[in-house]
C-alpha atoms as a PDB file:
ATOM      1  CA  UNK A   1       0.000   0.000   0.000  1.00  0.00           C
ATOM      2  CA  UNK A   2       1.409   3.377  -0.998  1.00  0.00           C
ATOM      3  CA  UNK A   3       0.905   6.596   0.907  1.00  0.00           C
ATOM      4  CA  UNK A   4      -1.529   7.646  -1.808  1.00  0.00           C
ATOM      5  CA  UNK A   5      -3.796   4.782  -0.667  1.00  0.00           C
ATOM      6  CA  UNK A   6      -3.583   5.672   3.001  1.00  0.00           C
ATOM      7  CA  UNK A   7      -6.309   7.333   5.038  1.00  0.00           C
ATOM      8  CA  UNK A   8      -6.418   9.061   8.393  1.00  0.00           C
ATOM      9  CA  UNK A   9      -8.913  10.519  10.835  1.00  0.00           C
ATOM     10  CA  UNK A  10      -7.916  13.493  12.959  1.00  0.00           C
ATOM     11  CA  UNK A  11     -10.308  14.577  15.697  1.00  0.00           C
ATOM     12  CA  UNK A  12     -10.567  18.217  16.686  1.00  0.00           C
ATOM     13  CA  UNK A  13      -8.990  19.086  13.350  1.00  0.00           C
ATOM     14  CA  UNK A  14     -10.752  22.356  12.598  1.00  0.00           C
ATOM     15  CA  UNK A  15      -8.043  24.577  14.110  1.00  0.00           C
ATOM     16  CA  UNK A  16      -4.709  24.802  15.886  1.00  0.00           C
ATOM     17  CA  UNK A  17      -2.596  21.670  16.253  1.00  0.00           C
ATOM     18  CA  UNK A  18      -5.324  19.410  14.857  1.00  0.00           C
ATOM     19  CA  UNK A  19      -5.554  21.434  11.663  1.00  0.00           C
ATOM     20  CA  UNK A  20      -1.793  21.203  11.210  1.00  0.00           C
ATOM     21  CA  UNK A  21      -1.797  17.458  11.906  1.00  0.00           C
ATOM     22  CA  UNK A  22      -4.330  17.096   9.097  1.00  0.00           C
ATOM     23  CA  UNK A  23      -2.158  19.280   6.855  1.00  0.00           C
ATOM     24  CA  UNK A  24       0.948  17.283   7.727  1.00  0.00           C
ATOM     25  CA  UNK A  25      -0.668  13.943   6.970  1.00  0.00           C
ATOM     26  CA  UNK A  26      -2.084  15.289   3.722  1.00  0.00           C
ATOM     27  CA  UNK A  27       1.419  16.443   2.779  1.00  0.00           C
ATOM     28  CA  UNK A  28       2.535  12.842   3.309  1.00  0.00           C
ATOM     29  CA  UNK A  29      -0.046  11.756   0.728  1.00  0.00           C
ATOM     30  CA  UNK A  30      -2.791  10.634   3.076  1.00  0.00           C
ATOM     31  CA  UNK A  31      -6.456  11.234   2.452  1.00  0.00           C
ATOM     32  CA  UNK A  32      -7.514  12.892   5.686  1.00  0.00           C
ATOM     33  CA  UNK A  33     -10.873  13.076   7.413  1.00  0.00           C
ATOM     34  CA  UNK A  34     -11.153  16.346   9.308  1.00  0.00           C
ATOM     35  CA  UNK A  35     -13.258  15.565  12.361  1.00  0.00           C
ATOM     36  CA  UNK A  36     -14.932  18.472  14.143  1.00  0.00           C
ATOM     37  CA  UNK A  37     -18.270  19.098  15.783  1.00  0.00           C
ATOM     38  CA  UNK A  38     -18.663  22.714  14.601  1.00  0.00           C
ATOM     39  CA  UNK A  39     -19.904  22.725  10.999  1.00  0.00           C
ATOM     40  CA  UNK A  40     -18.787  26.263  10.189  1.00  0.00           C
ATOM     41  CA  UNK A  41     -15.281  25.829  11.568  1.00  0.00           C
ATOM     42  CA  UNK A  42     -14.933  22.453   9.869  1.00  0.00           C
ATOM     43  CA  UNK A  43     -15.872  23.895   6.476  1.00  0.00           C
ATOM     44  CA  UNK A  44     -13.438  26.766   6.970  1.00  0.00           C
ATOM     45  CA  UNK A  45     -10.667  24.295   7.793  1.00  0.00           C
ATOM     46  CA  UNK A  46     -11.488  22.196   4.745  1.00  0.00           C
ATOM     47  CA  UNK A  47     -11.316  25.246   2.496  1.00  0.00           C
ATOM     48  CA  UNK A  48      -7.931  26.211   3.942  1.00  0.00           C
ATOM     49  CA  UNK A  49      -6.519  22.718   3.544  1.00  0.00           C
ATOM     50  CA  UNK A  50      -7.847  22.261   0.023  1.00  0.00           C
ATOM     51  CA  UNK A  51      -6.375  25.615  -0.996  1.00  0.00           C
ATOM     52  CA  UNK A  52      -2.995  24.066  -0.182  1.00  0.00           C
ATOM     53  CA  UNK A  53      -3.768  20.986  -2.272  1.00  0.00           C
ATOM     54  CA  UNK A  54      -4.734  18.631   0.555  1.00  0.00           C
ATOM     55  CA  UNK A  55      -6.995  15.664  -0.125  1.00  0.00           C
ATOM     56  CA  UNK A  56      -9.436  16.060   2.747  1.00  0.00           C
ATOM     57  CA  UNK A  57     -13.032  15.324   3.627  1.00  0.00           C
ATOM     58  CA  UNK A  58     -15.057  16.653   6.511  1.00  0.00           C
ATOM     59  CA  UNK A  59     -16.883  14.545   9.054  1.00  0.00           C
ATOM     60  CA  UNK A  60     -19.162  15.807  11.797  1.00  0.00           C
ATOM     61  CA  UNK A  61     -17.711  14.393  14.993  1.00  0.00           C
ATOM     62  CA  UNK A  62     -18.454  15.148  18.627  1.00  0.00           C
ATOM     63  CA  UNK A  63     -16.190  12.817  20.613  1.00  0.00           C
ATOM     64  CA  UNK A  64     -18.398  13.188  23.703  1.00  0.00           C
ATOM     65  CA  UNK A  65     -21.341  11.538  21.916  1.00  0.00           C
ATOM     66  CA  UNK A  66     -21.634   7.798  21.264  1.00  0.00           C
ATOM     67  CA  UNK A  67     -24.084   8.417  18.426  1.00  0.00           C
ATOM     68  CA  UNK A  68     -21.919  11.076  16.772  1.00  0.00           C
ATOM     69  CA  UNK A  69     -18.842   8.850  16.883  1.00  0.00           C
ATOM     70  CA  UNK A  70     -20.764   5.872  15.491  1.00  0.00           C
ATOM     71  CA  UNK A  71     -22.227   7.965  12.681  1.00  0.00           C
ATOM     72  CA  UNK A  72     -18.823   9.429  11.797  1.00  0.00           C
ATOM     73  CA  UNK A  73     -17.124   6.034  11.623  1.00  0.00           C
ATOM     74  CA  UNK A  74     -19.979   4.638   9.520  1.00  0.00           C
ATOM     75  CA  UNK A  75     -19.545   7.557   7.126  1.00  0.00           C
ATOM     76  CA  UNK A  76     -15.797   6.937   6.906  1.00  0.00           C
ATOM     77  CA  UNK A  77     -16.365   3.253   6.257  1.00  0.00           C
ATOM     78  CA  UNK A  78     -18.538   4.207   3.300  1.00  0.00           C
ATOM     79  CA  UNK A  79     -16.071   6.842   2.041  1.00  0.00           C
ATOM     80  CA  UNK A  80     -12.721   5.168   2.745  1.00  0.00           C
ATOM     81  CA  UNK A  81     -13.422   1.506   3.518  1.00  0.00           C
ATOM     82  CA  UNK A  82     -10.542   1.458   6.000  1.00  0.00           C
ATOM     83  CA  UNK A  83      -8.374   3.681   8.175  1.00  0.00           C
ATOM     84  CA  UNK A  84      -4.595   3.645   8.449  1.00  0.00           C
ATOM     85  CA  UNK A  85      -4.268   6.218  11.218  1.00  0.00           C
ATOM     86  CA  UNK A  86      -6.437   7.716  13.926  1.00  0.00           C
ATOM     87  CA  UNK A  87      -5.142  10.771  15.738  1.00  0.00           C
ATOM     88  CA  UNK A  88      -7.093  11.497  18.916  1.00  0.00           C
ATOM     89  CA  UNK A  89      -6.373  15.206  19.079  1.00  0.00           C
ATOM     90  CA  UNK A  90      -9.682  16.614  20.335  1.00  0.00           C
ATOM     91  CA  UNK A  91      -9.258  17.986  23.818  1.00  0.00           C
ATOM     92  CA  UNK A  92     -10.257  20.730  26.219  1.00  0.00           C
ATOM     93  CA  UNK A  93      -8.388  22.368  29.073  1.00  0.00           C
ATOM     94  CA  UNK A  94     -11.367  23.250  31.213  1.00  0.00           C
ATOM     95  CA  UNK A  95     -11.458  26.640  32.925  1.00  0.00           C
ATOM     96  CA  UNK A  96      -8.212  28.264  33.944  1.00  0.00           C
ATOM     97  CA  UNK A  97      -7.760  29.328  37.539  1.00  0.00           C
ATOM     98  CA  UNK A  98     -11.232  30.811  37.892  1.00  0.00           C
ATOM     99  CA  UNK A  99     -12.703  30.394  41.336  1.00  0.00           C
ATOM    100  CA  UNK A 100     -10.471  27.452  42.147  1.00  0.00           C
ATOM    101  CA  UNK A 101     -12.331  25.085  39.811  1.00  0.00           C
ATOM    102  CA  UNK A 102      -9.078  23.252  38.999  1.00  0.00           C
ATOM    103  CA  UNK A 103      -7.435  23.699  42.386  1.00  0.00           C
ATOM    104  CA  UNK A 104      -7.327  20.179  43.879  1.00  0.00           C
ATOM    105  CA  UNK A 105      -8.488  21.570  47.221  1.00  0.00           C
ATOM    106  CA  UNK A 106     -11.623  23.085  45.706  1.00  0.00           C
ATOM    107  CA  UNK A 107     -11.907  21.019  42.535  1.00  0.00           C
ATOM    108  CA  UNK A 108     -15.275  21.206  40.808  1.00  0.00           C
ATOM    109  CA  UNK A 109     -16.193  17.611  40.022  1.00  0.00           C
ATOM    110  CA  UNK A 110     -18.401  18.701  37.137  1.00  0.00           C
ATOM    111  CA  UNK A 111     -15.354  20.365  35.556  1.00  0.00           C
ATOM    112  CA  UNK A 112     -13.322  17.200  36.114  1.00  0.00           C
ATOM    113  CA  UNK A 113     -16.044  15.091  34.528  1.00  0.00           C
ATOM    114  CA  UNK A 114     -16.380  17.383  31.514  1.00  0.00           C
ATOM    115  CA  UNK A 115     -12.632  17.373  30.861  1.00  0.00           C
ATOM    116  CA  UNK A 116     -12.406  13.594  31.209  1.00  0.00           C
ATOM    117  CA  UNK A 117     -15.416  13.168  28.913  1.00  0.00           C
ATOM    118  CA  UNK A 118     -13.585  14.802  26.024  1.00  0.00           C
ATOM    119  CA  UNK A 119      -9.921  14.103  26.710  1.00  0.00           C
ATOM    120  CA  UNK A 120     -10.185  10.463  27.780  1.00  0.00           C
ATOM    121  CA  UNK A 121     -13.618   8.983  27.157  1.00  0.00           C
ATOM    122  CA  UNK A 122     -13.699  10.667  23.755  1.00  0.00           C
ATOM    123  CA  UNK A 123     -10.411   9.051  22.741  1.00  0.00           C
ATOM    124  CA  UNK A 124     -11.686   5.667  23.908  1.00  0.00           C
ATOM    125  CA  UNK A 125     -14.956   6.085  21.999  1.00  0.00           C
ATOM    126  CA  UNK A 126     -13.217   6.980  18.760  1.00  0.00           C
ATOM    127  CA  UNK A 127     -10.521   4.328  19.100  1.00  0.00           C
ATOM    128  CA  UNK A 128     -12.916   1.475  19.783  1.00  0.00           C
ATOM    129  CA  UNK A 129     -15.321   2.532  17.063  1.00  0.00           C
ATOM    130  CA  UNK A 130     -12.484   2.863  14.544  1.00  0.00           C
ATOM    131  CA  UNK A 131     -10.755  -0.446  15.329  1.00  0.00           C
ATOM    132  CA  UNK A 132     -12.633  -2.461  12.668  1.00  0.00           C
ATOM    133  CA  UNK A 133     -11.476   0.016   9.997  1.00  0.00           C
ATOM    134  CA  UNK A 134      -7.926   0.110  11.363  1.00  0.00           C
ATOM    135  CA  UNK A 135      -7.742  -3.679  11.236  1.00  0.00           C
ATOM    136  CA  UNK A 136      -8.216  -3.474   7.455  1.00  0.00           C
ATOM    137  CA  UNK A 137      -4.912  -1.583   7.180  1.00  0.00           C
ATOM    138  CA  UNK A 138      -1.514  -3.185   6.631  1.00  0.00           C
ATOM    139  CA  UNK A 139       0.106  -0.649   8.973  1.00  0.00           C
ATOM    140  CA  UNK A 140      -2.472   0.831  11.365  1.00  0.00           C
ATOM    141  CA  UNK A 141      -1.492   3.565  13.804  1.00  0.00           C
ATOM    142  CA  UNK A 142      -3.218   5.263  16.752  1.00  0.00           C
ATOM    143  CA  UNK A 143      -1.832   8.494  18.175  1.00  0.00           C
ATOM    144  CA  UNK A 144      -3.154  10.089  21.353  1.00  0.00           C
ATOM    145  CA  UNK A 145      -2.252  13.753  21.666  1.00  0.00           C
ATOM    146  CA  UNK A 146      -1.229  14.187  25.281  1.00  0.00           C
ATOM    147  CA  UNK A 147       0.797  16.727  27.257  1.00  0.00           C
ATOM    148  CA  UNK A 148       3.846  16.655  29.503  1.00  0.00           C
ATOM    149  CA  UNK A 149       1.547  18.206  32.099  1.00  0.00           C
ATOM    150  CA  UNK A 150       0.280  14.647  32.500  1.00  0.00           C
ATOM    151  CA  UNK A 151       3.751  13.391  33.407  1.00  0.00           C
ATOM    152  CA  UNK A 152       3.894  12.348  37.057  1.00  0.00           C
ATOM    153  CA  UNK A 153       7.673  12.787  36.976  1.00  0.00           C
ATOM    154  CA  UNK A 154       7.971  16.162  35.229  1.00  0.00           C
ATOM    155  CA  UNK A 155       5.046  17.995  36.871  1.00  0.00           C
ATOM    156  CA  UNK A 156       5.136  20.807  34.331  1.00  0.00           C
ATOM    157  CA  UNK A 157       2.818  23.771  33.961  1.00  0.00           C
ATOM    158  CA  UNK A 158       0.378  25.263  36.453  1.00  0.00           C
ATOM    159  CA  UNK A 159      -1.688  23.190  38.860  1.00  0.00           C
ATOM    160  CA  UNK A 160      -4.747  22.102  36.859  1.00  0.00           C
ATOM    161  CA  UNK A 161      -6.381  19.230  38.689  1.00  0.00           C
ATOM    162  CA  UNK A 162      -8.775  18.357  35.871  1.00  0.00           C
ATOM    163  CA  UNK A 163      -6.663  18.869  32.756  1.00  0.00           C
ATOM    164  CA  UNK A 164      -3.315  17.437  33.903  1.00  0.00           C
ATOM    165  CA  UNK A 165      -4.764  14.188  35.351  1.00  0.00           C
ATOM    166  CA  UNK A 166      -6.840  13.743  32.184  1.00  0.00           C
ATOM    167  CA  UNK A 167      -3.594  13.521  30.230  1.00  0.00           C
ATOM    168  CA  UNK A 168      -2.102  11.168  32.829  1.00  0.00           C
ATOM    169  CA  UNK A 169      -5.090   8.877  32.337  1.00  0.00           C
ATOM    170  CA  UNK A 170      -4.850   9.201  28.550  1.00  0.00           C
ATOM    171  CA  UNK A 171      -1.223   8.087  28.789  1.00  0.00           C
ATOM    172  CA  UNK A 172      -2.220   5.126  30.940  1.00  0.00           C
ATOM    173  CA  UNK A 173      -4.937   4.162  28.451  1.00  0.00           C
ATOM    174  CA  UNK A 174      -2.362   4.341  25.669  1.00  0.00           C
ATOM    175  CA  UNK A 175      -0.291   1.703  27.468  1.00  0.00           C
ATOM    176  CA  UNK A 176      -3.338  -0.486  28.056  1.00  0.00           C
ATOM    177  CA  UNK A 177      -4.304  -0.345  24.374  1.00  0.00           C
ATOM    178  CA  UNK A 178      -0.756  -1.143  23.295  1.00  0.00           C
ATOM    179  CA  UNK A 179      -0.538  -4.148  25.609  1.00  0.00           C
ATOM    180  CA  UNK A 180      -3.942  -5.496  24.627  1.00  0.00           C
ATOM    181  CA  UNK A 181      -3.533  -5.001  20.894  1.00  0.00           C
ATOM    182  CA  UNK A 182      -0.087  -6.609  20.952  1.00  0.00           C
ATOM    183  CA  UNK A 183      -1.919  -9.862  21.686  1.00  0.00           C
ATOM    184  CA  UNK A 184      -4.206  -9.734  18.646  1.00  0.00           C
ATOM    185  CA  UNK A 185      -2.927  -6.972  16.350  1.00  0.00           C
ATOM    186  CA  UNK A 186       0.852  -6.721  16.813  1.00  0.00           C
ATOM    187  CA  UNK A 187       1.191  -4.420  13.821  1.00  0.00           C
ATOM    188  CA  UNK A 188      -1.207  -1.856  15.295  1.00  0.00           C
ATOM    189  CA  UNK A 189       1.017   0.691  17.028  1.00  0.00           C
ATOM    190  CA  UNK A 190      -0.433   2.971  19.726  1.00  0.00           C
ATOM    191  CA  UNK A 191       1.500   5.893  21.187  1.00  0.00           C
ATOM    192  CA  UNK A 192       0.955   9.144  23.079  1.00  0.00           C
ATOM    193  CA  UNK A 193       2.697  12.328  21.979  1.00  0.00           C
ATOM    194  CA  UNK A 194       3.327  15.764  23.469  1.00  0.00           C
ATOM    195  CA  UNK A 195       3.229  18.726  21.045  1.00  0.00           C
ATOM    196  CA  UNK A 196       4.852  21.083  23.563  1.00  0.00           C
ATOM    197  CA  UNK A 197       3.752  24.579  24.519  1.00  0.00           C
ATOM    198  CA  UNK A 198       2.072  25.751  21.323  1.00  0.00           C
ATOM    199  CA  UNK A 199       0.682  29.190  20.547  1.00  0.00           C
ATOM    200  CA  UNK A 200      -3.023  28.465  19.950  1.00  0.00           C
ATOM    201  CA  UNK A 201      -6.261  29.698  21.473  1.00  0.00           C
ATOM    202  CA  UNK A 202      -5.970  26.646  23.754  1.00  0.00           C
ATOM    203  CA  UNK A 203      -3.021  28.357  25.508  1.00  0.00           C
ATOM    204  CA  UNK A 204      -4.192  31.929  24.968  1.00  0.00           C
ATOM    205  CA  UNK A 205      -1.507  32.105  22.246  1.00  0.00           C
ATOM    206  CA  UNK A 206       1.115  32.175  24.997  1.00  0.00           C
ATOM    207  CA  UNK A 207       3.156  29.229  23.709  1.00  0.00           C
ATOM    208  CA  UNK A 208       6.489  29.580  21.974  1.00  0.00           C
ATOM    209  CA  UNK A 209       5.974  26.797  19.429  1.00  0.00           C
ATOM    210  CA  UNK A 210       3.919  27.109  16.253  1.00  0.00           C
ATOM    211  CA  UNK A 211       1.009  24.754  15.540  1.00  0.00           C
ATOM    212  CA  UNK A 212       3.049  23.237  12.702  1.00  0.00           C
ATOM    213  CA  UNK A 213       5.921  22.514  15.083  1.00  0.00           C
ATOM    214  CA  UNK A 214       3.526  21.039  17.615  1.00  0.00           C
ATOM    215  CA  UNK A 215       1.844  18.846  15.014  1.00  0.00           C
ATOM    216  CA  UNK A 216       5.080  17.320  13.716  1.00  0.00           C
ATOM    217  CA  UNK A 217       5.416  14.653  16.413  1.00  0.00           C
ATOM    218  CA  UNK A 218       1.836  13.445  15.887  1.00  0.00           C
ATOM    219  CA  UNK A 219       2.394  13.210  12.129  1.00  0.00           C
ATOM    220  CA  UNK A 220       5.611  11.269  12.700  1.00  0.00           C
ATOM    221  CA  UNK A 221       3.961   8.711  14.968  1.00  0.00           C
ATOM    222  CA  UNK A 222       0.896   8.390  12.733  1.00  0.00           C
ATOM    223  CA  UNK A 223       3.236   7.398   9.907  1.00  0.00           C
ATOM    224  CA  UNK A 224       5.646   5.143  11.812  1.00  0.00           C
ATOM    225  CA  UNK A 225       7.309   2.445   9.729  1.00  0.00           C
ATOM    226  CA  UNK A 226       6.845  -1.235  10.497  1.00  0.00           C
ATOM    227  CA  UNK A 227       8.587  -2.254  13.684  1.00  0.00           C
ATOM    228  CA  UNK A 228       8.129   1.136  15.343  1.00  0.00           C
ATOM    229  CA  UNK A 229       7.493   1.538  19.066  1.00  0.00           C
ATOM    230  CA  UNK A 230       4.136   1.045  20.723  1.00  0.00           C
ATOM    231  CA  UNK A 231       2.897   1.989  24.160  1.00  0.00           C
ATOM    232  CA  UNK A 232       5.245   4.947  24.570  1.00  0.00           C
ATOM    233  CA  UNK A 233       5.043   8.663  25.308  1.00  0.00           C
ATOM    234  CA  UNK A 234       7.101  10.900  23.046  1.00  0.00           C
ATOM    235  CA  UNK A 235       7.891  14.466  22.091  1.00  0.00           C
ATOM    236  CA  UNK A 236      10.259  15.893  19.484  1.00  0.00           C
ATOM    237  CA  UNK A 237      13.280  15.023  21.620  1.00  0.00           C
ATOM    238  CA  UNK A 238      12.329  11.395  22.282  1.00  0.00           C
ATOM    239  CA  UNK A 239      10.642   9.576  25.145  1.00  0.00           C
ATOM    240  CA  UNK A 240       8.884  11.618  27.811  1.00  0.00           C
ATOM    241  CA  UNK A 241       9.001  10.480  31.437  1.00  0.00           C
ATOM    242  CA  UNK A 242       5.784   9.006  32.684  1.00  0.00           C
END
């Protein structure tokens, strides 16, 4: 299978890092499904990508909804027939330090639940729904876009007791998927990646890395050659401490 035959789904791909992941995969010759729940933003992203020559299609996808995920995967099965890569990029930070909602001493459990719903449960929903299409690929890849704020060793960034633990759990789920799939689908590689501190609306444009720079590691792990690693956590420099 050549790159021209390969397909990918990127969630949360209407802007920021997700948009650049879609652009990067398209530049590698993949046909990319741009997953986003906002119709207007998705169409704007598609127009931008197509203007640069990308082979992309849009799919309405709300990762917090079982029905939306099922409908999106059914649409991709009809359009593509298979998937070679799924990049679980959709994520939310939850509120910043507003009223102590992410202070562990005053943590709002509704905020915690909302963040987990998108950042973790959403990735699980999409991954499990997409597995039948990934199993039709000769080199399937799953990439979970994480953050070094989820590293228990590094403890980077501000205290955010909803967002940071959501990425810790996403990393743990990455390992569980890799271990389980190694039993039945040893060629299906699953990894978590950290884009770094990227200047997007997600960070209030305070980051020092561009979205293209942040997207590069996700593109690299979505296109890993045979025999690549699985069950790891990586950034541009290599493995990230758990």
